[in-house]
Amino acid sequence: MRLAWERLAAVLFSGAAWLLVLLVGPHLAHALRGPPRLVAHAGFSRRRDQG
């Protein structure tokens, strides 16, 4: 029975890791493209909010 719990834990951990990669990966890749682009996005959103 112990082996079944270890397999279940491994499957859950693996699933959580893949979910994290799929959800965070694109955002992280976009953020790593370059700080100037991030600053430009932040400036654009501030200008848009001010009207």
C-alpha atoms as a PDB file:
ATOM      1  CA  MET A   1       0.000   0.000   0.000  1.00  0.00           C
ATOM      2  CA  ARG A   2       2.938   2.286   0.639  1.00  0.00           C
ATOM      3  CA  LEU A   3       3.944   2.147  -3.002  1.00  0.00           C
ATOM      4  CA  ALA A   4       0.499   3.355  -4.048  1.00  0.00           C
ATOM      5  CA  TRP A   5       0.772   6.433  -1.809  1.00  0.00           C
ATOM      6  CA  GLU A   6       4.211   7.209  -3.198  1.00  0.00           C
ATOM      7  CA  ARG A   7       2.923   6.925  -6.746  1.00  0.00           C
ATOM      8  CA  LEU A   8      -0.056   9.135  -5.926  1.00  0.00           C
ATOM      9  CA  ALA A   9       2.214  11.760  -4.391  1.00  0.00           C
ATOM     10  CA  ALA A  10       4.511  11.615  -7.420  1.00  0.00           C
ATOM     11  CA  VAL A  11       1.625  12.040  -9.852  1.00  0.00           C
ATOM     12  CA  LEU A  12       0.181  14.966  -7.874  1.00  0.00           C
ATOM     13  CA  PHE A  13       3.571  16.650  -7.598  1.00  0.00           C
ATOM     14  CA  SER A  14       4.251  16.173 -11.288  1.00  0.00           C
ATOM     15  CA  GLY A  15       0.832  17.535 -12.221  1.00  0.00           C
ATOM     16  CA  ALA A  16       1.322  20.567 -10.009  1.00  0.00           C
ATOM     17  CA  ALA A  17       4.752  21.189 -11.529  1.00  0.00           C
ATOM     18  CA  TRP A  18       3.382  21.033 -15.085  1.00  0.00           C
ATOM     19  CA  LEU A  19       0.511  23.331 -14.162  1.00  0.00           C
ATOM     20  CA  LEU A  20       2.956  25.816 -12.712  1.00  0.00           C
ATOM     21  CA  VAL A  21       5.134  25.661 -15.828  1.00  0.00           C
ATOM     22  CA  LEU A  22       2.173  26.124 -18.151  1.00  0.00           C
ATOM     23  CA  LEU A  23       0.670  29.006 -16.184  1.00  0.00           C
ATOM     24  CA  VAL A  24       3.804  30.908 -15.189  1.00  0.00           C
ATOM     25  CA  GLY A  25       6.065  30.031 -18.118  1.00  0.00           C
ATOM     26  CA  PRO A  26       4.605  32.385 -20.734  1.00  0.00           C
ATOM     27  CA  HIS A  27       4.521  35.288 -18.279  1.00  0.00           C
ATOM     28  CA  LEU A  28       8.093  34.638 -17.198  1.00  0.00           C
ATOM     29  CA  ALA A  29       9.254  34.394 -20.810  1.00  0.00           C
ATOM     30  CA  HIS A  30       7.541  37.684 -21.585  1.00  0.00           C
ATOM     31  CA  ALA A  31       9.123  39.342 -18.548  1.00  0.00           C
ATOM     32  CA  LEU A  32      12.591  38.096 -19.470  1.00  0.00           C
ATOM     33  CA  ARG A  33      12.437  39.613 -22.941  1.00  0.00           C
ATOM     34  CA  GLY A  34      13.832  42.838 -21.546  1.00  0.00           C
ATOM     35  CA  PRO A  35      13.342  45.450 -18.836  1.00  0.00           C
ATOM     36  CA  PRO A  36      12.801  48.296 -21.346  1.00  0.00           C
ATOM     37  CA  ARG A  37       9.732  46.511 -22.656  1.00  0.00           C
ATOM     38  CA  LEU A  38       8.387  46.083 -19.116  1.00  0.00           C
ATOM     39  CA  VAL A  39       8.935  49.762 -18.404  1.00  0.00           C
ATOM     40  CA  ALA A  40       7.167  50.645 -21.645  1.00  0.00           C
ATOM     41  CA  HIS A  41       4.186  48.512 -20.681  1.00  0.00           C
ATOM     42  CA  ALA A  42       4.031  50.105 -17.233  1.00  0.00           C
ATOM     43  CA  GLY A  43       4.215  53.598 -18.726  1.00  0.00           C
ATOM     44  CA  PHE A  44       1.503  52.796 -21.239  1.00  0.00           C
ATOM     45  CA  SER A  45      -0.896  51.541 -18.568  1.00  0.00           C
ATOM     46  CA  ARG A  46      -0.275  54.634 -16.441  1.00  0.00           C
ATOM     47  CA  ARG A  47      -0.925  56.937 -19.389  1.00  0.00           C
ATOM     48  CA  ARG A  48      -4.090  55.024 -20.231  1.00  0.00           C
ATOM     49  CA  ASP A  49      -5.350  55.288 -16.626  1.00  0.00           C
ATOM     50  CA  GLN A  50      -4.757  59.040 -16.492  1.00  0.00           C
ATOM     51  CA  GLY A  51      -6.990  59.556 -19.428  1.00  0.00           C
END
